[in-house]
N, C-alpha and C. Protein backbone atom coordinates (compact mmCIF):
# COMPACT_ATOMS: atom_id res chain seq x y z
N MET A 1 37.16 125.09 39.40
CA MET A 1 36.15 125.23 40.48
C MET A 1 34.81 125.14 39.88
N ALA A 2 33.98 124.55 40.58
CA ALA A 2 32.50 124.30 40.23
C ALA A 2 31.75 125.64 40.35
N PRO A 3 30.99 126.10 39.35
CA PRO A 3 30.27 127.27 39.44
C PRO A 3 29.47 127.38 40.74
N GLY A 4 29.41 128.59 41.38
CA GLY A 4 28.71 128.80 42.53
C GLY A 4 29.29 128.30 43.80
N ARG A 5 30.58 127.78 43.79
CA ARG A 5 31.23 127.25 44.87
C ARG A 5 31.32 128.29 46.07
N LYS A 6 30.98 127.84 47.25
CA LYS A 6 30.94 128.69 48.37
C LYS A 6 32.07 128.56 49.26
N HIS A 7 32.15 129.53 50.20
CA HIS A 7 33.18 129.36 51.40
C HIS A 7 33.09 128.01 51.96
N LEU A 8 33.99 127.51 52.72
CA LEU A 8 34.07 126.21 53.31
C LEU A 8 32.81 125.91 53.89
N LEU A 9 32.15 126.85 54.66
CA LEU A 9 30.96 126.51 55.36
C LEU A 9 29.95 127.68 54.95
N ALA A 10 29.61 127.67 53.76
CA ALA A 10 28.76 128.82 53.22
C ALA A 10 27.45 128.89 53.94
N GLY A 11 27.19 130.17 54.36
CA GLY A 11 25.87 130.41 55.00
C GLY A 11 25.87 129.84 56.40
N SER A 12 26.83 129.27 56.86
CA SER A 12 26.75 128.68 58.25
C SER A 12 27.15 129.67 59.33
N ARG A 13 26.59 129.64 60.57
CA ARG A 13 26.92 130.30 61.64
C ARG A 13 27.07 129.38 62.81
N ALA A 14 28.15 129.47 63.51
CA ALA A 14 28.26 128.54 64.67
C ALA A 14 29.17 129.07 65.70
N VAL A 15 28.88 128.77 66.98
CA VAL A 15 29.78 129.01 68.03
C VAL A 15 30.62 127.87 68.27
N ILE A 16 31.86 127.94 68.06
CA ILE A 16 32.78 126.89 68.26
C ILE A 16 33.27 127.04 69.71
N PRO A 17 33.16 126.12 70.68
CA PRO A 17 33.60 126.27 72.01
C PRO A 17 35.01 126.86 72.06
N GLY A 18 35.24 127.90 72.86
CA GLY A 18 36.58 128.32 73.06
C GLY A 18 37.00 129.33 71.82
N ILE A 19 36.17 129.57 70.93
CA ILE A 19 36.50 130.47 69.80
C ILE A 19 35.27 131.38 69.52
N ALA A 20 35.62 132.45 68.91
CA ALA A 20 34.59 133.47 68.62
C ALA A 20 33.53 132.97 67.58
N LEU A 21 32.53 133.65 67.42
CA LEU A 21 31.46 133.19 66.45
C LEU A 21 32.11 133.01 65.11
N VAL A 22 31.93 131.98 64.40
CA VAL A 22 32.41 131.81 63.04
C VAL A 22 31.29 132.00 62.16
N THR A 23 31.49 133.01 61.31
CA THR A 23 30.39 133.30 60.21
C THR A 23 31.01 133.01 58.93
N ALA A 24 30.43 132.21 58.14
CA ALA A 24 30.89 131.78 56.85
C ALA A 24 30.14 132.70 55.87
N ALA A 25 30.86 133.39 54.90
CA ALA A 25 30.24 134.14 53.85
C ALA A 25 30.41 133.53 52.53
N ALA A 26 29.71 134.03 51.55
CA ALA A 26 29.86 133.51 50.15
C ALA A 26 31.23 133.80 49.55
N LEU A 27 31.76 132.85 48.91
CA LEU A 27 33.03 133.00 48.39
C LEU A 27 32.94 133.87 47.09
N SER A 28 33.88 134.93 46.99
CA SER A 28 33.95 135.59 45.78
C SER A 28 35.36 135.62 45.24
N GLY A 29 35.48 135.08 43.96
CA GLY A 29 36.67 134.91 43.45
C GLY A 29 37.43 133.54 43.56
N GLY A 30 36.83 132.71 44.41
CA GLY A 30 37.34 131.34 44.41
C GLY A 30 38.77 131.36 44.82
N CYS A 31 39.47 130.36 44.17
CA CYS A 31 40.92 130.13 44.51
C CYS A 31 41.87 130.79 43.48
N SER A 32 41.36 131.36 42.56
CA SER A 32 42.26 131.93 41.49
C SER A 32 43.03 133.21 41.90
N GLY A 33 44.18 133.53 41.30
CA GLY A 33 44.85 134.74 41.45
C GLY A 33 45.88 134.75 42.53
N SER A 34 46.31 133.83 43.07
CA SER A 34 47.42 133.83 44.05
C SER A 34 48.37 132.70 43.83
N SER A 35 49.54 132.88 44.41
CA SER A 35 50.57 131.89 44.19
C SER A 35 50.47 130.68 45.15
N PRO A 36 51.13 129.49 44.76
CA PRO A 36 51.03 128.33 45.69
C PRO A 36 51.61 128.64 46.96
N GLY A 37 51.49 127.71 47.97
CA GLY A 37 51.97 127.86 49.37
C GLY A 37 53.73 127.90 49.23
N ASN A 38 54.17 129.00 48.81
CA ASN A 38 55.63 129.02 48.69
C ASN A 38 56.17 129.88 49.80
N GLY A 39 55.47 130.28 50.75
CA GLY A 39 55.98 130.92 51.99
C GLY A 39 56.09 132.46 51.71
N GLN A 40 55.52 132.88 50.59
CA GLN A 40 55.57 134.33 50.29
C GLN A 40 54.23 134.92 50.38
N ALA A 41 54.08 136.08 50.86
CA ALA A 41 52.86 136.83 50.95
C ALA A 41 52.45 137.12 49.47
N THR A 42 51.12 137.16 49.15
CA THR A 42 50.68 137.36 47.83
C THR A 42 49.95 138.69 47.75
N GLY A 43 49.98 139.48 48.83
CA GLY A 43 49.20 140.72 48.64
C GLY A 43 47.73 140.46 48.71
N GLY A 44 47.16 140.99 47.66
CA GLY A 44 45.73 140.69 47.44
C GLY A 44 44.86 141.48 48.42
N THR A 45 43.64 141.46 48.18
CA THR A 45 42.60 142.24 48.92
C THR A 45 42.28 141.58 50.27
N ARG A 46 42.16 142.41 51.30
CA ARG A 46 41.84 141.87 52.62
C ARG A 46 40.25 142.17 52.69
N PRO A 47 39.42 141.14 52.97
CA PRO A 47 38.03 141.29 52.95
C PRO A 47 37.46 142.11 54.16
N SER A 48 38.23 142.19 55.19
CA SER A 48 37.66 142.92 56.32
C SER A 48 38.88 143.36 57.28
N SER A 49 38.67 144.16 58.22
CA SER A 49 39.63 144.60 59.21
C SER A 49 40.00 143.42 60.06
N ALA A 50 39.28 142.45 60.19
CA ALA A 50 39.50 141.26 61.04
C ALA A 50 40.76 140.36 60.43
N THR A 51 41.00 140.61 59.19
CA THR A 51 42.02 139.87 58.59
C THR A 51 43.40 140.71 58.47
N ALA A 52 43.42 141.87 59.03
CA ALA A 52 44.68 142.78 58.96
C ALA A 52 45.79 141.92 59.52
N GLY A 53 46.89 141.96 58.79
CA GLY A 53 48.08 141.18 59.22
C GLY A 53 48.13 139.62 58.67
N LEU A 54 47.16 139.39 57.77
CA LEU A 54 47.14 138.05 57.21
C LEU A 54 47.43 138.17 55.71
N SER A 55 48.06 137.12 55.10
CA SER A 55 48.42 137.10 53.75
C SER A 55 47.68 136.05 53.09
N LYS A 56 47.08 136.23 51.87
CA LYS A 56 46.33 135.29 51.10
C LYS A 56 47.41 134.28 50.61
N ARG A 57 47.10 133.04 50.61
CA ARG A 57 47.96 132.06 50.09
C ARG A 57 47.22 130.93 49.43
N GLY A 58 47.70 130.30 48.41
CA GLY A 58 47.11 129.25 47.67
C GLY A 58 46.75 129.73 46.32
N PRO A 59 46.23 128.81 45.53
CA PRO A 59 45.60 127.59 45.98
C PRO A 59 46.62 126.66 46.05
N VAL A 60 46.55 125.79 47.09
CA VAL A 60 47.38 124.56 47.41
C VAL A 60 46.45 123.39 47.56
N HIS A 61 46.70 122.35 46.64
CA HIS A 61 45.77 121.23 46.87
C HIS A 61 44.36 121.59 47.00
N GLY A 62 43.89 122.57 46.35
CA GLY A 62 42.46 122.87 46.31
C GLY A 62 41.90 123.95 47.38
N PHE A 63 42.93 124.57 48.09
CA PHE A 63 42.61 125.48 49.18
C PHE A 63 43.16 126.77 48.81
N SER A 64 42.60 127.78 49.30
CA SER A 64 43.13 129.18 49.38
C SER A 64 42.72 129.68 50.83
N VAL A 65 43.79 130.33 51.44
CA VAL A 65 43.52 130.74 52.84
C VAL A 65 44.32 131.99 53.16
N ALA A 66 43.97 132.60 54.23
CA ALA A 66 44.68 133.77 54.60
C ALA A 66 45.48 133.33 55.99
N VAL A 67 46.80 133.56 56.17
CA VAL A 67 47.49 133.15 57.33
C VAL A 67 48.39 134.41 57.75
N PRO A 68 48.74 134.36 59.04
CA PRO A 68 49.64 135.56 59.41
C PRO A 68 50.90 135.65 58.60
N HIS A 69 51.28 136.90 58.33
CA HIS A 69 52.50 137.17 57.51
C HIS A 69 53.73 136.41 58.20
N GLY A 70 54.51 135.91 57.39
CA GLY A 70 55.67 135.12 57.88
C GLY A 70 55.44 133.59 58.19
N TRP A 71 54.22 133.17 58.23
CA TRP A 71 53.97 131.69 58.32
C TRP A 71 54.40 130.98 57.14
N ARG A 72 55.00 129.79 57.34
CA ARG A 72 55.49 129.06 56.19
C ARG A 72 54.60 127.85 55.84
N TYR A 73 54.70 127.29 54.62
CA TYR A 73 53.93 126.22 54.13
C TYR A 73 54.74 125.03 54.08
N ARG A 74 54.09 123.85 54.55
CA ARG A 74 54.77 122.48 54.39
C ARG A 74 53.68 121.44 53.96
N ASN A 75 54.05 120.72 52.88
CA ASN A 75 53.27 119.73 52.40
C ASN A 75 53.47 118.47 53.15
N GLU A 76 52.54 117.95 53.92
CA GLU A 76 52.68 116.70 54.76
C GLU A 76 52.02 115.57 54.20
N THR A 77 51.64 115.68 52.90
CA THR A 77 50.87 114.63 52.28
C THR A 77 51.73 113.39 52.19
N GLN A 78 51.07 112.24 52.49
CA GLN A 78 51.81 110.98 52.25
C GLN A 78 50.89 110.17 51.32
N PRO A 79 51.51 109.20 50.56
CA PRO A 79 50.69 108.51 49.65
C PRO A 79 49.50 107.90 50.26
N SER A 80 48.32 108.46 49.76
CA SER A 80 47.05 107.91 50.23
C SER A 80 45.94 108.56 49.44
N ASP A 81 44.73 108.55 49.96
CA ASP A 81 43.56 109.19 49.30
C ASP A 81 43.36 110.54 49.73
N HIS A 82 44.26 111.25 50.35
CA HIS A 82 44.07 112.60 50.87
C HIS A 82 45.36 113.45 50.80
N THR A 83 45.26 114.75 50.83
CA THR A 83 46.34 115.68 51.03
C THR A 83 46.30 116.28 52.27
N THR A 84 47.51 116.70 52.85
CA THR A 84 47.52 117.39 54.16
C THR A 84 48.55 118.62 53.86
N ASP A 85 48.03 119.76 54.02
CA ASP A 85 48.82 120.99 53.90
C ASP A 85 48.90 121.70 55.28
N VAL A 86 50.00 122.18 55.67
CA VAL A 86 50.28 122.84 56.96
C VAL A 86 50.87 124.12 56.73
N PHE A 87 50.28 125.18 57.33
CA PHE A 87 50.84 126.54 57.36
C PHE A 87 51.09 126.68 58.86
N TYR A 88 52.50 127.16 59.09
CA TYR A 88 52.75 127.39 60.56
C TYR A 88 53.67 128.47 60.76
N ASP A 89 53.75 128.89 62.05
CA ASP A 89 54.68 129.99 62.38
C ASP A 89 56.11 129.45 62.78
N PRO A 90 57.07 129.78 61.97
CA PRO A 90 58.41 129.26 62.18
C PRO A 90 59.01 129.63 63.45
N ALA A 91 58.53 130.65 64.23
CA ALA A 91 58.96 130.98 65.48
C ALA A 91 58.37 130.22 66.63
N ASP A 92 57.17 129.55 66.24
CA ASP A 92 56.43 128.75 67.14
C ASP A 92 55.61 127.75 66.38
N PRO A 93 56.16 126.65 65.94
CA PRO A 93 55.46 125.72 65.05
C PRO A 93 54.19 125.18 65.58
N GLY A 94 53.98 125.28 66.88
CA GLY A 94 52.59 124.94 67.43
C GLY A 94 51.45 125.69 66.94
N ARG A 95 51.81 126.88 66.60
CA ARG A 95 50.83 127.75 65.89
C ARG A 95 50.68 127.41 64.52
N ARG A 96 49.61 126.81 64.06
CA ARG A 96 49.43 126.30 62.72
C ARG A 96 48.07 126.17 62.28
N LEU A 97 47.91 125.88 60.89
CA LEU A 97 46.71 125.63 60.37
C LEU A 97 46.93 124.37 59.68
N VAL A 98 46.01 123.41 59.77
CA VAL A 98 46.19 122.10 59.05
C VAL A 98 44.96 121.85 58.11
N LEU A 99 45.19 121.63 56.88
CA LEU A 99 44.14 121.55 55.90
C LEU A 99 44.23 120.08 55.32
N VAL A 100 43.22 119.32 55.34
CA VAL A 100 43.04 117.97 54.69
C VAL A 100 41.96 117.88 53.69
N ALA A 101 42.26 117.37 52.56
CA ALA A 101 41.32 117.16 51.53
C ALA A 101 41.37 115.69 51.18
N SER A 102 40.36 114.92 51.28
CA SER A 102 40.28 113.48 51.00
C SER A 102 39.31 113.16 49.89
N ASN A 103 39.62 112.21 49.11
CA ASN A 103 38.73 111.73 48.08
C ASN A 103 37.90 110.48 48.52
N CYS A 104 37.96 110.24 49.81
CA CYS A 104 37.12 109.11 50.40
C CYS A 104 35.69 109.43 50.45
N ALA A 105 34.88 109.20 49.33
CA ALA A 105 33.50 109.43 49.41
C ALA A 105 32.72 108.67 50.35
N GLY A 106 33.19 107.49 50.59
CA GLY A 106 32.44 106.54 51.50
C GLY A 106 32.63 106.95 53.02
N CYS A 107 33.70 107.70 53.31
CA CYS A 107 34.05 107.97 54.69
C CYS A 107 32.90 108.73 55.38
N ALA A 108 32.12 109.52 54.68
CA ALA A 108 31.10 110.30 55.27
C ALA A 108 29.74 109.56 55.47
N ALA A 109 29.76 108.33 54.87
CA ALA A 109 28.49 107.63 54.86
C ALA A 109 28.07 107.06 56.22
N ASN A 110 26.77 107.20 56.44
CA ASN A 110 26.15 106.67 57.69
C ASN A 110 26.12 105.23 57.70
N SER A 111 26.14 104.66 58.86
CA SER A 111 26.13 103.12 58.91
C SER A 111 24.88 102.57 58.15
N GLY A 112 24.96 101.60 57.38
CA GLY A 112 23.80 101.11 56.51
C GLY A 112 23.78 101.75 55.27
N GLY A 113 24.73 102.60 55.01
CA GLY A 113 24.89 103.31 53.67
C GLY A 113 23.84 104.21 53.20
N THR A 114 22.96 104.66 54.26
CA THR A 114 21.95 105.63 53.83
C THR A 114 22.24 107.07 54.37
N GLY A 115 22.55 108.01 53.51
CA GLY A 115 22.83 109.32 53.94
C GLY A 115 24.27 109.53 54.24
N ARG A 116 24.76 110.75 54.47
CA ARG A 116 26.07 111.15 54.84
C ARG A 116 26.02 112.15 56.00
N SER A 117 27.11 112.23 56.72
CA SER A 117 27.11 113.22 57.82
C SER A 117 28.61 113.70 57.86
N PRO A 118 28.73 114.98 58.03
CA PRO A 118 30.11 115.56 58.35
C PRO A 118 30.63 114.99 59.65
N LEU A 119 29.81 114.61 60.59
CA LEU A 119 30.35 114.27 61.82
C LEU A 119 31.09 112.83 61.71
N ASN A 120 30.79 112.19 60.52
CA ASN A 120 31.49 110.85 60.29
C ASN A 120 32.92 111.12 59.75
N VAL A 121 33.31 112.22 59.47
CA VAL A 121 34.61 112.55 58.93
C VAL A 121 35.58 113.25 59.92
N LEU A 122 35.14 113.43 61.03
CA LEU A 122 35.92 114.19 62.09
C LEU A 122 37.21 113.32 62.40
N PRO A 123 38.31 113.98 62.58
CA PRO A 123 39.55 113.31 62.91
C PRO A 123 39.45 112.60 64.26
N ALA A 124 40.39 111.59 64.47
CA ALA A 124 40.35 111.00 65.76
C ALA A 124 40.77 111.90 66.77
N GLY A 125 40.14 111.81 68.03
CA GLY A 125 40.47 112.73 69.11
C GLY A 125 39.65 113.94 69.11
N SER A 126 38.72 114.16 68.20
CA SER A 126 37.89 115.41 68.10
C SER A 126 36.85 115.20 69.31
N PHE A 127 36.42 116.48 69.80
CA PHE A 127 35.50 116.48 70.95
C PHE A 127 34.70 117.76 70.72
N ARG A 128 33.63 117.94 71.44
CA ARG A 128 32.68 119.03 71.44
C ARG A 128 32.27 119.32 69.89
N ALA A 129 31.90 118.26 69.22
CA ALA A 129 31.52 118.44 67.75
C ALA A 129 30.11 118.91 67.69
N SER A 130 29.85 119.73 66.76
CA SER A 130 28.53 120.40 66.56
C SER A 130 28.24 120.33 65.08
N ARG A 131 27.11 119.74 64.67
CA ARG A 131 26.79 119.79 63.22
C ARG A 131 26.14 121.21 62.91
N LEU A 132 26.77 121.76 61.81
CA LEU A 132 26.29 123.09 61.48
C LEU A 132 25.30 123.02 60.56
N SER A 133 25.27 122.06 59.56
CA SER A 133 24.32 121.87 58.42
C SER A 133 24.46 120.49 58.03
N ALA A 134 23.71 120.00 57.02
CA ALA A 134 23.89 118.70 56.43
C ALA A 134 25.16 118.36 55.95
N VAL A 135 25.89 119.34 55.54
CA VAL A 135 27.30 119.00 54.95
C VAL A 135 28.44 119.60 55.87
N ALA A 136 28.24 120.23 57.00
CA ALA A 136 29.28 120.97 57.65
C ALA A 136 29.13 120.62 59.17
N ALA A 137 30.38 120.63 59.95
CA ALA A 137 30.44 120.52 61.41
C ALA A 137 31.63 121.28 61.85
N ALA A 138 31.45 121.59 63.21
CA ALA A 138 32.60 122.38 63.85
C ALA A 138 33.06 121.33 64.98
N TYR A 139 34.34 121.43 65.42
CA TYR A 139 34.85 120.64 66.46
C TYR A 139 36.03 121.19 67.10
N GLU A 140 36.47 120.51 68.19
CA GLU A 140 37.71 120.94 68.86
C GLU A 140 38.61 119.63 68.85
N ARG A 141 39.97 119.83 68.90
CA ARG A 141 40.84 118.73 68.79
C ARG A 141 42.16 119.20 69.57
N LYS A 142 42.75 118.22 70.10
CA LYS A 142 44.06 118.46 70.75
C LYS A 142 45.11 117.50 70.03
N LEU A 143 46.12 118.01 69.52
CA LEU A 143 47.20 117.31 68.85
C LEU A 143 48.24 116.92 69.79
N PRO A 144 48.67 115.66 69.82
CA PRO A 144 49.84 115.32 70.81
C PRO A 144 51.01 116.11 70.58
N GLY A 145 51.59 116.62 71.59
CA GLY A 145 52.80 117.46 71.45
C GLY A 145 52.54 118.91 71.20
N ASN A 146 51.34 119.37 70.94
CA ASN A 146 51.06 120.76 70.69
C ASN A 146 50.26 121.34 71.92
N ARG A 147 50.85 122.38 72.52
CA ARG A 147 50.30 122.95 73.69
C ARG A 147 49.00 123.77 73.36
N TYR A 148 48.74 124.05 72.15
CA TYR A 148 47.63 124.90 71.75
C TYR A 148 46.34 124.13 71.43
N PRO A 149 45.18 124.61 71.87
CA PRO A 149 43.95 123.95 71.51
C PRO A 149 43.63 124.12 70.00
N GLY A 150 42.93 123.15 69.42
CA GLY A 150 42.60 123.23 68.05
C GLY A 150 41.04 123.35 67.93
N ASN A 151 40.70 124.17 66.83
CA ASN A 151 39.42 124.36 66.47
C ASN A 151 39.25 124.05 64.99
N GLY A 152 38.31 123.22 64.62
CA GLY A 152 38.26 122.77 63.32
C GLY A 152 36.85 122.83 62.66
N LEU A 153 36.84 122.79 61.40
CA LEU A 153 35.61 122.74 60.52
C LEU A 153 35.78 121.63 59.59
N ALA A 154 34.66 120.88 59.38
CA ALA A 154 34.66 119.76 58.37
C ALA A 154 33.53 119.99 57.54
N GLU A 155 33.80 119.65 56.16
CA GLU A 155 32.78 119.74 55.20
C GLU A 155 32.81 118.59 54.21
N ILE A 156 31.63 118.20 53.76
CA ILE A 156 31.38 117.27 52.77
C ILE A 156 31.22 118.08 51.41
N PRO A 157 32.22 118.44 50.64
CA PRO A 157 32.05 119.28 49.53
C PRO A 157 31.15 118.48 48.36
N ARG A 158 30.53 119.24 47.48
CA ARG A 158 29.73 118.84 46.54
C ARG A 158 30.44 119.19 45.21
N SER A 159 30.41 118.09 44.35
CA SER A 159 31.08 118.33 43.01
C SER A 159 29.81 118.09 42.02
N GLN A 160 29.52 119.12 41.47
CA GLN A 160 28.28 119.18 40.60
C GLN A 160 27.07 118.66 41.54
N GLN A 161 26.47 117.57 40.99
CA GLN A 161 25.23 117.13 41.75
C GLN A 161 25.40 116.07 42.80
N SER A 162 26.69 115.51 42.88
CA SER A 162 26.94 114.41 43.77
C SER A 162 27.99 114.93 44.87
N ALA A 163 27.87 114.26 46.04
CA ALA A 163 28.89 114.55 47.10
C ALA A 163 30.09 113.62 46.88
N SER A 164 31.35 114.28 47.14
CA SER A 164 32.50 113.37 47.03
C SER A 164 33.52 113.81 48.06
N GLY A 165 34.03 112.95 48.77
CA GLY A 165 35.12 113.16 49.61
C GLY A 165 34.81 114.06 50.78
N PHE A 166 35.85 114.63 51.47
CA PHE A 166 35.54 115.64 52.57
C PHE A 166 36.85 116.58 52.86
N ILE A 167 36.57 117.54 53.49
CA ILE A 167 37.60 118.66 53.79
C ILE A 167 37.57 118.94 55.26
N THR A 168 38.81 119.02 55.96
CA THR A 168 38.92 119.54 57.26
C THR A 168 39.89 120.59 57.25
N ALA A 169 39.64 121.64 58.18
CA ALA A 169 40.58 122.84 58.35
C ALA A 169 40.58 122.94 59.93
N GLU A 170 41.87 122.91 60.38
CA GLU A 170 42.03 123.05 61.91
C GLU A 170 43.04 124.18 62.14
N VAL A 171 42.70 124.97 63.13
CA VAL A 171 43.68 126.13 63.52
C VAL A 171 44.05 125.87 64.96
N TYR A 172 45.40 126.02 65.16
CA TYR A 172 45.96 125.78 66.50
C TYR A 172 46.58 127.02 66.99
N LEU A 173 45.96 127.78 68.00
CA LEU A 173 46.62 128.95 68.45
C LEU A 173 46.41 129.11 69.96
N PRO A 174 47.17 129.96 70.63
CA PRO A 174 46.90 130.20 72.05
C PRO A 174 45.41 130.47 72.30
N ALA A 175 44.88 130.02 73.53
CA ALA A 175 43.56 130.12 73.79
C ALA A 175 43.02 131.69 73.70
N GLY A 176 43.81 132.65 73.94
CA GLY A 176 43.37 134.00 73.84
C GLY A 176 43.35 134.59 72.49
N SER A 177 43.62 133.85 71.47
CA SER A 177 43.73 134.35 70.01
C SER A 177 42.43 134.06 69.25
N HIS A 178 41.26 134.23 69.87
CA HIS A 178 40.06 133.96 69.37
C HIS A 178 39.77 134.73 68.04
N GLY A 179 40.05 136.04 67.88
CA GLY A 179 39.95 136.83 66.74
C GLY A 179 40.67 136.30 65.53
N LEU A 180 41.98 136.02 65.83
CA LEU A 180 42.88 135.45 64.77
C LEU A 180 42.41 134.12 64.21
N ALA A 181 41.99 133.24 65.26
CA ALA A 181 41.55 131.88 64.84
C ALA A 181 40.37 131.96 64.01
N THR A 182 39.41 132.85 64.35
CA THR A 182 38.14 132.98 63.60
C THR A 182 38.49 133.64 62.21
N ALA A 183 39.38 134.53 62.12
CA ALA A 183 39.66 135.16 60.81
C ALA A 183 40.33 134.12 59.91
N ILE A 184 41.26 133.32 60.49
CA ILE A 184 41.88 132.26 59.65
C ILE A 184 40.83 131.27 59.20
N LEU A 185 40.13 130.73 60.03
CA LEU A 185 38.99 129.75 59.64
C LEU A 185 38.04 130.25 58.71
N ASN A 186 37.69 131.61 58.80
CA ASN A 186 36.73 132.17 57.88
C ASN A 186 37.35 132.40 56.57
N SER A 187 38.75 132.46 56.48
CA SER A 187 39.29 132.74 55.16
C SER A 187 39.52 131.46 54.33
N VAL A 188 39.29 130.35 54.95
CA VAL A 188 39.54 129.10 54.13
C VAL A 188 38.49 129.09 53.05
N ARG A 189 38.96 128.78 51.81
CA ARG A 189 38.25 128.57 50.66
C ARG A 189 38.58 127.29 50.05
N SER A 190 37.64 126.53 49.59
CA SER A 190 37.92 125.25 49.03
C SER A 190 37.50 125.41 47.65
N CYS A 191 38.46 125.13 46.65
CA CYS A 191 38.10 125.00 45.19
C CYS A 191 38.28 123.55 44.79
N TRP A 192 38.41 122.61 45.79
CA TRP A 192 38.70 121.27 45.57
C TRP A 192 37.27 120.59 45.39
N CYS A 193 36.96 120.20 44.30
CA CYS A 193 35.79 119.36 44.04
C CYS A 193 35.47 119.47 42.58
């Protein structure tokens, strides 16, 4: 992990439509000290009462996250320039967290090749997108076949002095689960870069 790496959206505050205020805090401890996404709770310290009932998981493909106890992990990566990791509720697989890390540095480039924007890396079907900073954006998305709304965060991470690739985190939960959705999104840590 690069020194000084921050939470997925370090220092950002945004209201994502349909979800509670997302507040990103500085990362402490990075992605070390926990087991891979093997479906087992790792214990660990809970940063606040908002994450009660969550288990720290990872690092998996450069992510560490807290998801509800009992959620399982599935690697949905296919040969390409990105990884796709899914944590889901086995009793209701529509309740899920989807994490994508891509090495596509050009994907975030603005037309004409000048500058980069996190809005350029939003997945197909994203709507109500809001740029949070020069490197971060929030959005909503609906997955075909999933009855739950999705709330996502996208970031262009920085590796040393240069930007490379992008990361997205999407959580799909019932509309009334704002506190849980916010806690999960705020727990996402990226040590991929």
